[in-house]
């Protein structure tokens, strides 16, 4: 069996095509993941910096969700109190308003 004989120019063109295919694969991977650096092998400094920033963003997002949930819960309690005032016995509604005003008045009395 005889081997395949390539001229220098054909060999150079093959190497160029292989390089282009590798660059195309890297670009497609970056586009698919949205990351410029996908592993520590690509660029360790940028990879670990990005990983730290992603972790921090996740932590902040979780805190904001927690704050939003607390806010929604307190709004839900107020809307339930308002719904209770809208139907049935109105004496409860008056008491809740007096309590709120009472706290404000109490705070003013202490300051004065």
N, C-alpha and C. Protein backbone atom coordinates (compact mmCIF):
# COMPACT_ATOMS: atom_id res chain seq x y z
N UNK A 1 0.84 -1.18 0.00
CA UNK A 1 0.00 0.00 0.00
C UNK A 1 0.87 1.23 0.00
N UNK A 2 0.53 2.10 -0.83
CA UNK A 2 1.28 3.35 -0.90
C UNK A 2 0.53 4.44 -0.14
N UNK A 3 1.26 5.33 0.49
CA UNK A 3 0.66 6.42 1.25
C UNK A 3 0.21 7.54 0.34
N UNK A 4 -0.52 8.44 0.91
CA UNK A 4 -1.00 9.60 0.16
C UNK A 4 0.10 10.64 0.20
N UNK A 5 0.45 11.12 -0.97
CA UNK A 5 1.50 12.13 -1.07
C UNK A 5 0.84 13.48 -1.30
N UNK A 6 1.17 14.44 -0.43
CA UNK A 6 0.61 15.78 -0.55
C UNK A 6 1.73 16.76 -0.81
N UNK A 7 1.41 17.70 -1.66
CA UNK A 7 2.39 18.75 -1.89
C UNK A 7 2.37 19.72 -0.72
N UNK A 8 3.34 20.56 -0.63
CA UNK A 8 3.46 21.52 0.47
C UNK A 8 2.26 22.47 0.51
N UNK A 9 1.80 22.91 -0.63
CA UNK A 9 0.68 23.85 -0.67
C UNK A 9 -0.62 23.18 -0.23
N UNK A 10 -0.84 21.92 -0.63
CA UNK A 10 -2.04 21.20 -0.22
C UNK A 10 -2.00 20.95 1.28
N UNK A 11 -0.84 20.58 1.80
CA UNK A 11 -0.69 20.36 3.24
C UNK A 11 -0.99 21.65 4.01
N UNK A 12 -0.50 22.76 3.52
CA UNK A 12 -0.74 24.05 4.18
C UNK A 12 -2.22 24.40 4.16
N UNK A 13 -2.89 24.13 3.04
CA UNK A 13 -4.34 24.40 2.95
C UNK A 13 -5.13 23.52 3.91
N UNK A 14 -4.73 22.27 4.07
CA UNK A 14 -5.40 21.38 5.02
C UNK A 14 -5.23 21.88 6.46
N UNK A 15 -4.04 22.30 6.81
CA UNK A 15 -3.80 22.84 8.15
C UNK A 15 -4.63 24.11 8.39
N UNK A 16 -4.73 24.93 7.37
CA UNK A 16 -5.52 26.15 7.47
C UNK A 16 -7.00 25.82 7.67
N UNK A 17 -7.52 24.82 6.95
CA UNK A 17 -8.92 24.40 7.11
C UNK A 17 -9.17 23.83 8.50
N UNK A 18 -8.22 23.06 9.01
CA UNK A 18 -8.38 22.51 10.35
C UNK A 18 -8.41 23.62 11.40
N UNK A 19 -7.56 24.61 11.24
CA UNK A 19 -7.53 25.74 12.16
C UNK A 19 -8.85 26.52 12.10
N UNK A 20 -9.35 26.73 10.88
CA UNK A 20 -10.62 27.44 10.71
C UNK A 20 -11.77 26.67 11.35
N UNK A 21 -11.77 25.34 11.20
CA UNK A 21 -12.82 24.51 11.80
C UNK A 21 -12.77 24.59 13.32
N UNK A 22 -11.57 24.62 13.89
CA UNK A 22 -11.43 24.73 15.34
C UNK A 22 -11.93 26.08 15.84
N UNK A 23 -11.58 27.16 15.12
CA UNK A 23 -12.06 28.49 15.52
C UNK A 23 -13.58 28.59 15.40
N UNK A 24 -14.14 27.99 14.36
CA UNK A 24 -15.59 27.99 14.17
C UNK A 24 -16.28 27.24 15.32
N UNK A 25 -15.71 26.12 15.72
CA UNK A 25 -16.26 25.35 16.84
C UNK A 25 -16.24 26.16 18.13
N UNK A 26 -15.13 26.86 18.38
CA UNK A 26 -15.02 27.69 19.58
C UNK A 26 -16.07 28.81 19.56
N UNK A 27 -16.23 29.45 18.41
CA UNK A 27 -17.20 30.53 18.28
C UNK A 27 -18.62 30.03 18.49
N UNK A 28 -18.95 28.86 17.90
CA UNK A 28 -20.29 28.30 18.08
C UNK A 28 -20.54 27.96 19.55
N UNK A 29 -19.54 27.46 20.23
CA UNK A 29 -19.68 27.14 21.65
C UNK A 29 -19.92 28.40 22.47
N UNK A 30 -19.20 29.47 22.15
CA UNK A 30 -19.40 30.74 22.87
C UNK A 30 -20.79 31.29 22.63
N UNK A 31 -21.27 31.19 21.39
CA UNK A 31 -22.60 31.69 21.07
C UNK A 31 -23.68 30.85 21.76
N UNK A 32 -23.47 29.56 21.83
CA UNK A 32 -24.46 28.67 22.42
C UNK A 32 -24.56 28.87 23.93
N UNK A 33 -23.44 29.09 24.59
CA UNK A 33 -23.45 29.22 26.05
C UNK A 33 -23.57 30.66 26.52
N UNK A 34 -23.20 31.61 25.69
CA UNK A 34 -23.21 33.01 26.10
C UNK A 34 -22.00 33.38 26.93
N UNK A 35 -21.05 32.47 27.07
CA UNK A 35 -19.84 32.72 27.85
C UNK A 35 -18.64 32.88 26.94
N UNK A 36 -17.81 33.85 27.24
CA UNK A 36 -16.58 34.00 26.48
C UNK A 36 -15.57 32.95 26.91
N UNK A 37 -15.56 32.63 28.19
CA UNK A 37 -14.65 31.62 28.74
C UNK A 37 -15.52 30.53 29.37
N UNK A 38 -15.41 29.31 28.87
CA UNK A 38 -16.26 28.23 29.35
C UNK A 38 -15.59 27.31 30.36
N UNK A 39 -14.29 27.36 30.46
CA UNK A 39 -13.61 26.51 31.43
C UNK A 39 -12.35 27.22 31.91
N UNK A 40 -11.80 26.69 32.99
CA UNK A 40 -10.57 27.27 33.54
C UNK A 40 -9.40 27.05 32.58
N UNK A 41 -9.52 26.09 31.68
CA UNK A 41 -8.44 25.85 30.71
C UNK A 41 -8.34 26.97 29.68
N UNK A 42 -9.47 27.61 29.36
CA UNK A 42 -9.45 28.70 28.38
C UNK A 42 -8.67 29.90 28.91
N UNK A 43 -9.05 30.36 30.09
CA UNK A 43 -8.39 31.51 30.72
C UNK A 43 -8.74 31.47 32.21
N UNK A 44 -7.85 30.95 33.04
CA UNK A 44 -8.17 30.75 34.46
C UNK A 44 -8.60 32.02 35.19
N UNK A 45 -7.92 33.12 34.96
CA UNK A 45 -8.24 34.36 35.67
C UNK A 45 -9.65 34.82 35.35
N UNK A 46 -9.97 34.90 34.07
CA UNK A 46 -11.31 35.35 33.67
C UNK A 46 -12.39 34.36 34.09
N UNK A 47 -12.09 33.07 34.03
CA UNK A 47 -13.08 32.06 34.40
C UNK A 47 -13.47 32.20 35.86
N UNK A 48 -12.48 32.29 36.76
CA UNK A 48 -12.80 32.36 38.18
C UNK A 48 -13.38 33.71 38.57
N UNK A 49 -13.00 34.77 37.88
CA UNK A 49 -13.63 36.08 38.11
C UNK A 49 -15.10 36.01 37.73
N UNK A 50 -15.38 35.44 36.56
CA UNK A 50 -16.77 35.32 36.11
C UNK A 50 -17.58 34.42 37.04
N UNK A 51 -16.98 33.35 37.50
CA UNK A 51 -17.67 32.44 38.40
C UNK A 51 -18.03 33.15 39.71
N UNK A 52 -17.10 33.93 40.25
CA UNK A 52 -17.38 34.69 41.47
C UNK A 52 -18.49 35.71 41.27
N UNK A 53 -18.47 36.40 40.12
CA UNK A 53 -19.51 37.38 39.84
C UNK A 53 -20.87 36.72 39.65
N UNK A 54 -20.89 35.56 39.00
CA UNK A 54 -22.15 34.83 38.84
C UNK A 54 -22.70 34.39 40.19
N UNK A 55 -21.85 33.93 41.09
CA UNK A 55 -22.29 33.53 42.43
C UNK A 55 -22.85 34.72 43.19
N UNK A 56 -22.18 35.87 43.07
CA UNK A 56 -22.65 37.07 43.77
C UNK A 56 -24.01 37.53 43.21
N UNK A 57 -24.15 37.47 41.88
CA UNK A 57 -25.42 37.85 41.26
C UNK A 57 -26.54 36.93 41.71
N UNK A 58 -26.24 35.65 41.85
CA UNK A 58 -27.24 34.70 42.32
C UNK A 58 -27.65 35.01 43.76
N UNK A 59 -26.68 35.32 44.61
CA UNK A 59 -26.98 35.66 46.00
C UNK A 59 -27.86 36.91 46.09
N UNK A 60 -27.52 37.92 45.30
CA UNK A 60 -28.30 39.16 45.31
C UNK A 60 -29.72 38.91 44.79
N UNK A 61 -29.83 38.08 43.77
CA UNK A 61 -31.15 37.74 43.23
C UNK A 61 -32.00 37.03 44.28
N UNK A 62 -31.38 36.11 45.02
CA UNK A 62 -32.11 35.41 46.08
C UNK A 62 -32.56 36.38 47.18
N UNK A 63 -31.70 37.34 47.53
CA UNK A 63 -32.09 38.34 48.54
C UNK A 63 -33.25 39.19 48.05
N UNK A 64 -33.20 39.60 46.79
CA UNK A 64 -34.29 40.41 46.25
C UNK A 64 -35.59 39.62 46.22
N UNK A 65 -35.52 38.33 45.87
CA UNK A 65 -36.71 37.50 45.90
C UNK A 65 -37.27 37.41 47.31
N UNK A 66 -36.38 37.26 48.28
CA UNK A 66 -36.80 37.18 49.68
C UNK A 66 -37.48 38.47 50.12
N UNK A 67 -36.90 39.60 49.75
CA UNK A 67 -37.49 40.89 50.09
C UNK A 67 -38.85 41.04 49.41
N UNK A 68 -38.94 40.63 48.16
CA UNK A 68 -40.20 40.72 47.44
C UNK A 68 -41.27 39.84 48.06
N UNK A 69 -40.89 38.66 48.52
CA UNK A 69 -41.85 37.77 49.17
C UNK A 69 -42.37 38.36 50.47
N UNK A 70 -41.49 38.99 51.25
CA UNK A 70 -41.93 39.62 52.50
C UNK A 70 -42.90 40.76 52.21
N UNK A 71 -42.58 41.53 51.18
CA UNK A 71 -43.43 42.66 50.82
C UNK A 71 -44.81 42.16 50.39
N UNK A 72 -44.83 41.09 49.58
CA UNK A 72 -46.11 40.55 49.13
C UNK A 72 -46.91 39.99 50.30
N UNK A 73 -46.22 39.37 51.27
CA UNK A 73 -46.92 38.83 52.44
C UNK A 73 -47.57 39.95 53.24
N UNK A 74 -46.83 41.05 53.47
CA UNK A 74 -47.40 42.14 54.26
C UNK A 74 -48.55 42.81 53.51
N UNK A 75 -48.45 42.91 52.19
CA UNK A 75 -49.55 43.46 51.41
C UNK A 75 -50.76 42.54 51.49
N UNK A 76 -50.51 41.24 51.51
CA UNK A 76 -51.60 40.28 51.61
C UNK A 76 -52.32 40.39 52.94
N UNK A 77 -51.58 40.61 54.02
CA UNK A 77 -52.20 40.76 55.34
C UNK A 77 -53.04 42.02 55.36
N UNK A 78 -52.53 43.11 54.80
CA UNK A 78 -53.30 44.36 54.78
C UNK A 78 -54.55 44.22 53.93
N UNK A 79 -54.44 43.51 52.79
CA UNK A 79 -55.62 43.35 51.94
C UNK A 79 -56.65 42.46 52.62
N UNK A 80 -56.18 41.46 53.39
CA UNK A 80 -57.13 40.63 54.15
C UNK A 80 -57.84 41.46 55.21
N UNK A 81 -57.10 42.34 55.88
CA UNK A 81 -57.72 43.20 56.88
C UNK A 81 -58.73 44.13 56.21
N UNK A 82 -58.37 44.64 55.04
CA UNK A 82 -59.30 45.50 54.31
C UNK A 82 -60.53 44.75 53.86
N UNK A 83 -60.37 43.51 53.46
CA UNK A 83 -61.51 42.69 53.04
C UNK A 83 -62.42 42.42 54.23
N UNK A 84 -61.81 42.21 55.39
CA UNK A 84 -62.61 41.96 56.59
C UNK A 84 -63.41 43.20 56.94
N UNK A 85 -62.85 44.38 56.74
CA UNK A 85 -63.57 45.63 57.04
C UNK A 85 -64.72 45.85 56.07
N UNK A 86 -64.56 45.34 54.85
CA UNK A 86 -65.58 45.57 53.83
C UNK A 86 -66.82 44.74 54.03
N UNK A 87 -66.75 43.63 54.76
CA UNK A 87 -67.92 42.77 54.93
C UNK A 87 -68.13 42.49 56.41
N UNK A 88 -69.35 42.23 56.74
CA UNK A 88 -69.67 41.79 58.10
C UNK A 88 -69.58 42.90 59.12
N UNK A 89 -69.12 42.55 60.30
CA UNK A 89 -69.08 43.45 61.44
C UNK A 89 -68.02 44.53 61.25
N UNK A 90 -68.41 45.79 61.33
CA UNK A 90 -67.47 46.88 61.12
C UNK A 90 -66.75 47.28 62.40
N UNK A 91 -67.09 46.71 63.50
CA UNK A 91 -66.44 47.10 64.75
C UNK A 91 -64.97 46.68 64.75
N UNK A 92 -64.63 45.54 64.13
CA UNK A 92 -63.24 45.12 64.01
C UNK A 92 -62.43 46.11 63.19
N UNK A 93 -63.06 46.61 62.14
CA UNK A 93 -62.36 47.55 61.26
C UNK A 93 -62.00 48.82 62.03
N UNK A 94 -62.90 49.32 62.80
CA UNK A 94 -62.63 50.51 63.59
C UNK A 94 -61.51 50.30 64.59
N UNK A 95 -61.49 49.12 65.20
CA UNK A 95 -60.44 48.83 66.18
C UNK A 95 -59.06 48.80 65.52
N UNK A 96 -58.99 48.21 64.33
CA UNK A 96 -57.67 48.13 63.68
C UNK A 96 -57.18 49.52 63.30
N UNK A 97 -58.11 50.40 62.91
CA UNK A 97 -57.70 51.76 62.58
C UNK A 97 -57.26 52.51 63.83
N UNK A 98 -57.97 52.32 64.92
CA UNK A 98 -57.61 52.99 66.17
C UNK A 98 -56.25 52.52 66.64
N UNK A 99 -55.98 51.22 66.49
CA UNK A 99 -54.69 50.69 66.91
C UNK A 99 -53.58 51.35 66.12
N UNK A 100 -53.77 51.47 64.81
CA UNK A 100 -52.74 52.10 63.99
C UNK A 100 -52.55 53.56 64.40
N UNK A 101 -53.63 54.27 64.58
CA UNK A 101 -53.52 55.66 65.00
C UNK A 101 -52.96 55.74 66.41
N UNK A 102 -53.36 54.79 67.25
CA UNK A 102 -52.87 54.77 68.62
C UNK A 102 -51.36 54.62 68.66
N UNK A 103 -50.78 53.82 67.81
CA UNK A 103 -49.33 53.66 67.79
C UNK A 103 -48.66 54.96 67.38
N UNK A 104 -49.23 55.62 66.40
CA UNK A 104 -48.65 56.90 65.98
C UNK A 104 -48.76 57.93 67.10
N UNK A 105 -49.94 58.02 67.72
CA UNK A 105 -50.14 58.98 68.80
C UNK A 105 -49.22 58.65 69.98
N UNK A 106 -49.07 57.36 70.26
CA UNK A 106 -48.20 56.93 71.35
C UNK A 106 -46.76 57.36 71.09
N UNK A 107 -46.32 57.19 69.86
CA UNK A 107 -44.95 57.59 69.50
C UNK A 107 -44.80 59.10 69.63
N UNK A 108 -45.81 59.85 69.26
CA UNK A 108 -45.74 61.31 69.37
C UNK A 108 -45.70 61.74 70.83
N UNK A 109 -46.47 61.07 71.67
CA UNK A 109 -46.51 61.43 73.10
C UNK A 109 -45.15 61.19 73.76
N UNK A 110 -44.49 60.12 73.37
CA UNK A 110 -43.18 59.84 73.96
C UNK A 110 -42.17 60.90 73.53
N UNK A 111 -42.22 61.31 72.28
CA UNK A 111 -41.28 62.32 71.78
C UNK A 111 -41.55 63.67 72.42
N UNK A 112 -42.84 64.02 72.57
CA UNK A 112 -43.17 65.32 73.18
C UNK A 112 -42.80 65.26 74.61
